[in-house]
Amino acid sequence: MSAPIELSALDLSAMLCSKVCHDVINPVAAMENGFQLLEMDQKPESREEAMKLIRHSAVQATAKLKYARIAFGSSGSPTAQVDAGDAGELGRQLFEPEVKLEFGIPKTLLAKNRVKLLLNLMLIAAGAVPRGGVMKVTPIGAGETMGFTVRVEAERVRLQPGTEALLAGTPAEPVTAQTIQPFYAGVLAREQGMKITLAAEPAGATLSAQSANKI
């Protein structure tokens, strides 16, 4: 098996920044459109529609930024711990109501990068059900060495091409801002001494991460 490739810190950070900007630009642009509509059309019904658009887009942008702050950002010391239960709340804010989240991991302090890995696996899973579905998150084991399984189910489930190779760090094509997120999830897993396994079928996909020596 090929060894995982490595990206320079500059390339990794630049592509992650590009990914976050890409995710946030749509709701921010929608807010701008709402404000323009307020200026151009003073009819009460038009103003109400504009305010609905602004409110909805503001909620979306806030949820995306909160999620990205933990999933991609850095806070506290390198050895800081994060409550795994926070991932459930962030997931509900970002994915619901389109993707119903069943989060079964109890409040447990885990290494920051382990929780970041969980958030990134949830993001990959949600991306596989663009028309909505159900996401089920369950623990593997308990305590500080806890792993987890993220499963999505829908009428049609489609993972991004090359996801498995990106998670393993052995993509067939160069990593880009469009493919950096699953690659980054693999980096987080290896840093935690964990291995990710992927199983997919037409109506479901399962991403599991646990200590490599237990697989």
C-alpha atoms as a PDB file:
ATOM      1  CA  MET A   1       0.000   0.000   0.000  1.00  0.00           C
ATOM      2  CA  SER A   2       1.301   3.453  -0.876  1.00  0.00           C
ATOM      3  CA  ALA A   3       2.347   5.734   1.964  1.00  0.00           C
ATOM      4  CA  PRO A   4       0.071   8.751   2.550  1.00  0.00           C
ATOM      5  CA  ILE A   5       1.217  11.891   0.772  1.00  0.00           C
ATOM      6  CA  GLU A   6       1.983  15.025   2.735  1.00  0.00           C
ATOM      7  CA  LEU A   7       1.075  18.613   1.907  1.00  0.00           C
ATOM      8  CA  SER A   8       3.092  21.584   3.068  1.00  0.00           C
ATOM      9  CA  ALA A   9       1.567  23.571   5.919  1.00  0.00           C
ATOM     10  CA  LEU A  10       1.094  26.500   3.547  1.00  0.00           C
ATOM     11  CA  ASP A  11      -0.765  24.442   0.930  1.00  0.00           C
ATOM     12  CA  LEU A  12      -2.939  22.720   3.532  1.00  0.00           C
ATOM     13  CA  SER A  13      -3.917  25.967   5.263  1.00  0.00           C
ATOM     14  CA  ALA A  14      -4.544  27.770   1.964  1.00  0.00           C
ATOM     15  CA  MET A  15      -6.852  25.038   0.648  1.00  0.00           C
ATOM     16  CA  LEU A  16      -8.764  24.796   3.931  1.00  0.00           C
ATOM     17  CA  CYS A  17      -9.252  28.582   3.928  1.00  0.00           C
ATOM     18  CA  SER A  18     -10.523  28.373   0.362  1.00  0.00           C
ATOM     19  CA  LYS A  19     -12.971  25.625   1.358  1.00  0.00           C
ATOM     20  CA  VAL A  20     -14.365  27.670   4.270  1.00  0.00           C
ATOM     21  CA  CYS A  21     -14.758  30.758   2.059  1.00  0.00           C
ATOM     22  CA  HIS A  22     -16.561  28.676  -0.581  1.00  0.00           C
ATOM     23  CA  ASP A  23     -18.978  27.318   2.039  1.00  0.00           C
ATOM     24  CA  VAL A  24     -19.795  30.718   3.532  1.00  0.00           C
ATOM     25  CA  ILE A  25     -19.985  32.851   0.378  1.00  0.00           C
ATOM     26  CA  ASN A  26     -23.439  31.607  -0.709  1.00  0.00           C
ATOM     27  CA  PRO A  27     -25.394  32.616   2.434  1.00  0.00           C
ATOM     28  CA  VAL A  28     -23.454  35.889   2.688  1.00  0.00           C
ATOM     29  CA  ALA A  29     -24.237  36.693  -0.955  1.00  0.00           C
ATOM     30  CA  ALA A  30     -27.897  35.841  -0.315  1.00  0.00           C
ATOM     31  CA  MET A  31     -27.973  38.345   2.541  1.00  0.00           C
ATOM     32  CA  GLU A  32     -26.579  40.982   0.193  1.00  0.00           C
ATOM     33  CA  ASN A  33     -29.340  40.160  -2.302  1.00  0.00           C
ATOM     34  CA  GLY A  34     -31.911  40.559   0.462  1.00  0.00           C
ATOM     35  CA  PHE A  35     -30.623  44.005   1.385  1.00  0.00           C
ATOM     36  CA  GLN A  36     -30.651  45.046  -2.275  1.00  0.00           C
ATOM     37  CA  LEU A  37     -34.267  43.920  -2.539  1.00  0.00           C
ATOM     38  CA  LEU A  38     -35.144  46.034   0.508  1.00  0.00           C
ATOM     39  CA  GLU A  39     -33.641  49.087  -1.184  1.00  0.00           C
ATOM     40  CA  MET A  40     -35.267  48.495  -4.572  1.00  0.00           C
ATOM     41  CA  ASP A  41     -38.786  47.431  -3.637  1.00  0.00           C
ATOM     42  CA  GLN A  42     -40.686  49.078  -0.792  1.00  0.00           C
ATOM     43  CA  LYS A  43     -43.870  47.023  -1.082  1.00  0.00           C
ATOM     44  CA  PRO A  44     -44.716  45.329   2.267  1.00  0.00           C
ATOM     45  CA  GLU A  45     -44.816  41.823   0.777  1.00  0.00           C
ATOM     46  CA  SER A  46     -41.452  42.336  -0.926  1.00  0.00           C
ATOM     47  CA  ARG A  47     -39.891  43.636   2.285  1.00  0.00           C
ATOM     48  CA  GLU A  48     -41.192  40.599   4.177  1.00  0.00           C
ATOM     49  CA  GLU A  49     -39.699  38.223   1.602  1.00  0.00           C
ATOM     50  CA  ALA A  50     -36.402  40.090   1.755  1.00  0.00           C
ATOM     51  CA  MET A  51     -36.326  39.864   5.555  1.00  0.00           C
ATOM     52  CA  LYS A  52     -37.055  36.124   5.397  1.00  0.00           C
ATOM     53  CA  LEU A  53     -34.131  35.680   3.006  1.00  0.00           C
ATOM     54  CA  ILE A  54     -31.821  37.737   5.210  1.00  0.00           C
ATOM     55  CA  ARG A  55     -32.806  35.878   8.397  1.00  0.00           C
ATOM     56  CA  HIS A  56     -32.476  32.442   6.797  1.00  0.00           C
ATOM     57  CA  SER A  57     -29.112  33.290   5.233  1.00  0.00           C
ATOM     58  CA  ALA A  58     -27.776  34.761   8.484  1.00  0.00           C
ATOM     59  CA  VAL A  59     -28.664  31.561  10.344  1.00  0.00           C
ATOM     60  CA  GLN A  60     -26.967  29.482   7.638  1.00  0.00           C
ATOM     61  CA  ALA A  61     -23.801  31.594   7.647  1.00  0.00           C
ATOM     62  CA  THR A  62     -23.586  31.510  11.437  1.00  0.00           C
ATOM     63  CA  ALA A  63     -24.002  27.720  11.545  1.00  0.00           C
ATOM     64  CA  LYS A  64     -21.338  27.211   8.874  1.00  0.00           C
ATOM     65  CA  LEU A  65     -18.872  29.490  10.677  1.00  0.00           C
ATOM     66  CA  LYS A  66     -19.456  27.863  14.070  1.00  0.00           C
ATOM     67  CA  TYR A  67     -18.925  24.426  12.545  1.00  0.00           C
ATOM     68  CA  ALA A  68     -15.801  25.477  10.623  1.00  0.00           C
ATOM     69  CA  ARG A  69     -14.302  27.122  13.715  1.00  0.00           C
ATOM     70  CA  ILE A  70     -14.093  23.742  15.460  1.00  0.00           C
ATOM     71  CA  ALA A  71     -13.782  21.385  12.467  1.00  0.00           C
ATOM     72  CA  PHE A  72     -10.955  23.309  10.770  1.00  0.00           C
ATOM     73  CA  GLY A  73      -9.804  25.991  13.207  1.00  0.00           C
ATOM     74  CA  SER A  74      -7.569  25.987  16.232  1.00  0.00           C
ATOM     75  CA  SER A  75      -8.412  27.051  19.762  1.00  0.00           C
ATOM     76  CA  GLY A  76      -6.616  26.400  23.005  1.00  0.00           C
ATOM     77  CA  SER A  77      -3.434  24.375  23.409  1.00  0.00           C
ATOM     78  CA  PRO A  78      -2.479  21.439  21.156  1.00  0.00           C
ATOM     79  CA  THR A  79      -3.403  19.082  24.026  1.00  0.00           C
ATOM     80  CA  ALA A  80      -6.769  20.739  24.722  1.00  0.00           C
ATOM     81  CA  GLN A  81      -9.856  18.576  25.101  1.00  0.00           C
ATOM     82  CA  VAL A  82     -13.308  19.251  23.665  1.00  0.00           C
ATOM     83  CA  ASP A  83     -16.689  17.875  24.697  1.00  0.00           C
ATOM     84  CA  ALA A  84     -17.725  15.406  22.009  1.00  0.00           C
ATOM     85  CA  GLY A  85     -21.344  16.313  22.728  1.00  0.00           C
ATOM     86  CA  ASP A  86     -20.695  19.729  21.181  1.00  0.00           C
ATOM     87  CA  ALA A  87     -20.359  18.007  17.794  1.00  0.00           C
ATOM     88  CA  GLY A  88     -23.976  16.942  18.036  1.00  0.00           C
ATOM     89  CA  GLU A  89     -25.238  20.475  18.667  1.00  0.00           C
ATOM     90  CA  LEU A  90     -23.098  21.909  15.872  1.00  0.00           C
ATOM     91  CA  GLY A  91     -24.344  19.192  13.519  1.00  0.00           C
ATOM     92  CA  ARG A  92     -27.988  19.919  14.292  1.00  0.00           C
ATOM     93  CA  GLN A  93     -27.482  23.627  13.655  1.00  0.00           C
ATOM     94  CA  LEU A  94     -25.787  22.991  10.315  1.00  0.00           C
ATOM     95  CA  PHE A  95     -27.549  19.942   8.857  1.00  0.00           C
ATOM     96  CA  GLU A  96     -31.141  20.016  10.113  1.00  0.00           C
ATOM     97  CA  PRO A  97     -33.897  20.034   8.981  1.00  0.00           C
ATOM     98  CA  GLU A  98     -32.625  18.658   5.638  1.00  0.00           C
ATOM     99  CA  VAL A  99     -30.591  15.926   7.348  1.00  0.00           C
ATOM    100  CA  LYS A 100     -32.054  14.581  10.583  1.00  0.00           C
ATOM    101  CA  LEU A 101     -29.256  13.916  13.067  1.00  0.00           C
ATOM    102  CA  GLU A 102     -29.438  11.051  15.559  1.00  0.00           C
ATOM    103  CA  PHE A 103     -26.415  11.706  17.760  1.00  0.00           C
ATOM    104  CA  GLY A 104     -25.653   8.895  20.171  1.00  0.00           C
ATOM    105  CA  ILE A 105     -22.280   9.959  21.592  1.00  0.00           C
ATOM    106  CA  PRO A 106     -22.537  11.029  25.262  1.00  0.00           C
ATOM    107  CA  LYS A 107     -20.891  14.134  26.647  1.00  0.00           C
ATOM    108  CA  THR A 108     -17.253  13.052  26.888  1.00  0.00           C
ATOM    109  CA  LEU A 109     -14.038  15.064  26.879  1.00  0.00           C
ATOM    110  CA  LEU A 110     -11.881  13.935  23.971  1.00  0.00           C
ATOM    111  CA  ALA A 111      -8.675  15.208  22.384  1.00  0.00           C
ATOM    112  CA  LYS A 112      -9.437  18.262  20.261  1.00  0.00           C
ATOM    113  CA  ASN A 113      -8.277  16.631  17.029  1.00  0.00           C
ATOM    114  CA  ARG A 114     -10.429  13.558  17.702  1.00  0.00           C
ATOM    115  CA  VAL A 115     -13.538  15.755  17.869  1.00  0.00           C
ATOM    116  CA  LYS A 116     -12.369  17.632  14.767  1.00  0.00           C
ATOM    117  CA  LEU A 117     -12.151  14.280  13.004  1.00  0.00           C
ATOM    118  CA  LEU A 118     -15.707  13.433  14.056  1.00  0.00           C
ATOM    119  CA  LEU A 119     -16.974  16.775  12.710  1.00  0.00           C
ATOM    120  CA  ASN A 120     -15.167  16.213   9.423  1.00  0.00           C
ATOM    121  CA  LEU A 121     -16.624  12.722   9.000  1.00  0.00           C
ATOM    122  CA  MET A 122     -20.095  14.152   9.668  1.00  0.00           C
ATOM    123  CA  LEU A 123     -19.444  16.778   6.989  1.00  0.00           C
ATOM    124  CA  ILE A 124     -18.428  14.107   4.459  1.00  0.00           C
ATOM    125  CA  ALA A 125     -21.515  12.049   5.302  1.00  0.00           C
ATOM    126  CA  ALA A 126     -23.860  15.036   4.966  1.00  0.00           C
ATOM    127  CA  GLY A 127     -22.355  15.836   1.576  1.00  0.00           C
ATOM    128  CA  ALA A 128     -23.380  12.375   0.381  1.00  0.00           C
ATOM    129  CA  VAL A 129     -27.101  13.152   0.850  1.00  0.00           C
ATOM    130  CA  PRO A 130     -27.624  16.552  -0.849  1.00  0.00           C
ATOM    131  CA  ARG A 131     -31.406  15.967  -0.982  1.00  0.00           C
ATOM    132  CA  GLY A 132     -31.658  15.162   2.712  1.00  0.00           C
ATOM    133  CA  GLY A 133     -31.756  12.001   4.769  1.00  0.00           C
ATOM    134  CA  VAL A 134     -30.878  10.642   8.203  1.00  0.00           C
ATOM    135  CA  MET A 135     -27.463  10.716   9.878  1.00  0.00           C
ATOM    136  CA  LYS A 136     -26.730   8.353  12.762  1.00  0.00           C
ATOM    137  CA  VAL A 137     -23.637   8.930  14.906  1.00  0.00           C
ATOM    138  CA  THR A 138     -22.651   6.217  17.396  1.00  0.00           C
ATOM    139  CA  PRO A 139     -19.600   5.626  19.608  1.00  0.00           C
ATOM    140  CA  ILE A 140     -17.083   2.821  19.291  1.00  0.00           C
ATOM    141  CA  GLY A 141     -15.768   2.063  22.749  1.00  0.00           C
ATOM    142  CA  ALA A 142     -15.650   4.657  25.513  1.00  0.00           C
ATOM    143  CA  GLY A 143     -13.365   7.119  27.216  1.00  0.00           C
ATOM    144  CA  GLU A 144     -10.476   9.052  25.706  1.00  0.00           C
ATOM    145  CA  THR A 145      -9.802   6.344  23.091  1.00  0.00           C
ATOM    146  CA  MET A 146     -13.391   6.365  21.833  1.00  0.00           C
ATOM    147  CA  GLY A 147     -13.937   5.909  18.116  1.00  0.00           C
ATOM    148  CA  PHE A 148     -17.150   6.559  16.218  1.00  0.00           C
ATOM    149  CA  THR A 149     -19.346   5.556  13.341  1.00  0.00           C
ATOM    150  CA  VAL A 150     -21.193   8.030  11.129  1.00  0.00           C
ATOM    151  CA  ARG A 151     -23.883   6.566   8.891  1.00  0.00           C
ATOM    152  CA  VAL A 152     -26.206   8.335   6.461  1.00  0.00           C
ATOM    153  CA  GLU A 153     -29.295   6.858   4.849  1.00  0.00           C
ATOM    154  CA  ALA A 154     -31.440   8.277   2.056  1.00  0.00           C
ATOM    155  CA  GLU A 155     -33.139   7.237  -1.175  1.00  0.00           C
ATOM    156  CA  ARG A 156     -29.884   8.016  -2.937  1.00  0.00           C
ATOM    157  CA  VAL A 157     -26.461   8.288  -1.328  1.00  0.00           C
ATOM    158  CA  ARG A 158     -23.474   9.415  -3.363  1.00  0.00           C
ATOM    159  CA  LEU A 159     -20.039  10.077  -1.910  1.00  0.00           C
ATOM    160  CA  GLN A 160     -17.605  12.405  -3.640  1.00  0.00           C
ATOM    161  CA  PRO A 161     -15.499  10.405  -6.136  1.00  0.00           C
ATOM    162  CA  GLY A 162     -12.172   9.325  -4.690  1.00  0.00           C
ATOM    163  CA  THR A 163     -13.256   9.841  -1.064  1.00  0.00           C
ATOM    164  CA  GLU A 164     -11.758   6.573   0.170  1.00  0.00           C
ATOM    165  CA  ALA A 165      -8.355   7.321  -1.381  1.00  0.00           C
ATOM    166  CA  LEU A 166      -8.425  10.901  -0.057  1.00  0.00           C
ATOM    167  CA  LEU A 167      -9.157   9.642   3.455  1.00  0.00           C
ATOM    168  CA  ALA A 168      -6.225   7.229   3.149  1.00  0.00           C
ATOM    169  CA  GLY A 169      -3.969  10.051   1.917  1.00  0.00           C
ATOM    170  CA  THR A 170      -3.333   8.310  -1.402  1.00  0.00           C
ATOM    171  CA  PRO A 171      -5.419  10.209  -3.971  1.00  0.00           C
ATOM    172  CA  ALA A 172      -4.957   9.413  -7.649  1.00  0.00           C
ATOM    173  CA  GLU A 173      -5.113  13.111  -8.539  1.00  0.00           C
ATOM    174  CA  PRO A 174      -3.474  16.148  -6.901  1.00  0.00           C
ATOM    175  CA  VAL A 175      -5.367  17.456  -3.875  1.00  0.00           C
ATOM    176  CA  THR A 176      -7.286  20.676  -4.538  1.00  0.00           C
ATOM    177  CA  ALA A 177      -9.490  23.044  -2.539  1.00  0.00           C
ATOM    178  CA  GLN A 178     -12.453  20.971  -3.779  1.00  0.00           C
ATOM    179  CA  THR A 179     -11.028  17.721  -2.360  1.00  0.00           C
ATOM    180  CA  ILE A 180      -9.093  18.997   0.663  1.00  0.00           C
ATOM    181  CA  GLN A 181     -11.772  18.247   3.262  1.00  0.00           C
ATOM    182  CA  PRO A 182     -11.711  14.400   3.153  1.00  0.00           C
ATOM    183  CA  PHE A 183      -7.926  14.525   2.788  1.00  0.00           C
ATOM    184  CA  TYR A 184      -7.752  16.666   5.940  1.00  0.00           C
ATOM    185  CA  ALA A 185      -9.984  14.174   7.761  1.00  0.00           C
ATOM    186  CA  GLY A 186      -7.425  11.492   6.965  1.00  0.00           C
ATOM    187  CA  VAL A 187      -4.616  13.683   8.318  1.00  0.00           C
ATOM    188  CA  LEU A 188      -6.543  14.108  11.580  1.00  0.00           C
ATOM    189  CA  ALA A 189      -7.147  10.353  11.839  1.00  0.00           C
ATOM    190  CA  ARG A 190      -3.483   9.478  11.366  1.00  0.00           C
ATOM    191  CA  GLU A 191      -2.459  12.119  13.916  1.00  0.00           C
ATOM    192  CA  GLN A 192      -4.753  10.384  16.421  1.00  0.00           C
ATOM    193  CA  GLY A 193      -3.469   6.898  15.556  1.00  0.00           C
ATOM    194  CA  MET A 194      -6.845   6.049  14.037  1.00  0.00           C
ATOM    195  CA  LYS A 195      -7.936   4.418  10.804  1.00  0.00           C
ATOM    196  CA  ILE A 196     -11.029   5.293   8.783  1.00  0.00           C
ATOM    197  CA  THR A 197     -13.041   2.621   7.022  1.00  0.00           C
ATOM    198  CA  LEU A 198     -15.731   3.359   4.454  1.00  0.00           C
ATOM    199  CA  ALA A 199     -18.643   1.238   3.277  1.00  0.00           C
ATOM    200  CA  ALA A 200     -21.190   2.488   0.761  1.00  0.00           C
ATOM    201  CA  GLU A 201     -24.291   1.215  -0.974  1.00  0.00           C
ATOM    202  CA  PRO A 202     -26.957   3.003  -3.048  1.00  0.00           C
ATOM    203  CA  ALA A 203     -29.110   3.923  -0.025  1.00  0.00           C
ATOM    204  CA  GLY A 204     -26.493   4.289   2.687  1.00  0.00           C
ATOM    205  CA  ALA A 205     -22.883   5.001   3.584  1.00  0.00           C
ATOM    206  CA  THR A 206     -20.923   4.338   6.767  1.00  0.00           C
ATOM    207  CA  LEU A 207     -17.717   6.030   7.884  1.00  0.00           C
ATOM    208  CA  SER A 208     -16.001   4.495  10.904  1.00  0.00           C
ATOM    209  CA  ALA A 209     -12.907   5.694  12.765  1.00  0.00           C
ATOM    210  CA  GLN A 210     -11.159   3.806  15.533  1.00  0.00           C
ATOM    211  CA  SER A 211      -7.683   3.087  16.820  1.00  0.00           C
ATOM    212  CA  ALA A 212      -5.621   1.489  14.062  1.00  0.00           C
ATOM    213  CA  ASN A 213      -4.372  -1.283  16.353  1.00  0.00           C
ATOM    214  CA  LYS A 214      -7.968  -2.417  16.968  1.00  0.00           C
ATOM    215  CA  ILE A 215      -8.768  -2.994  13.293  1.00  0.00           C
END
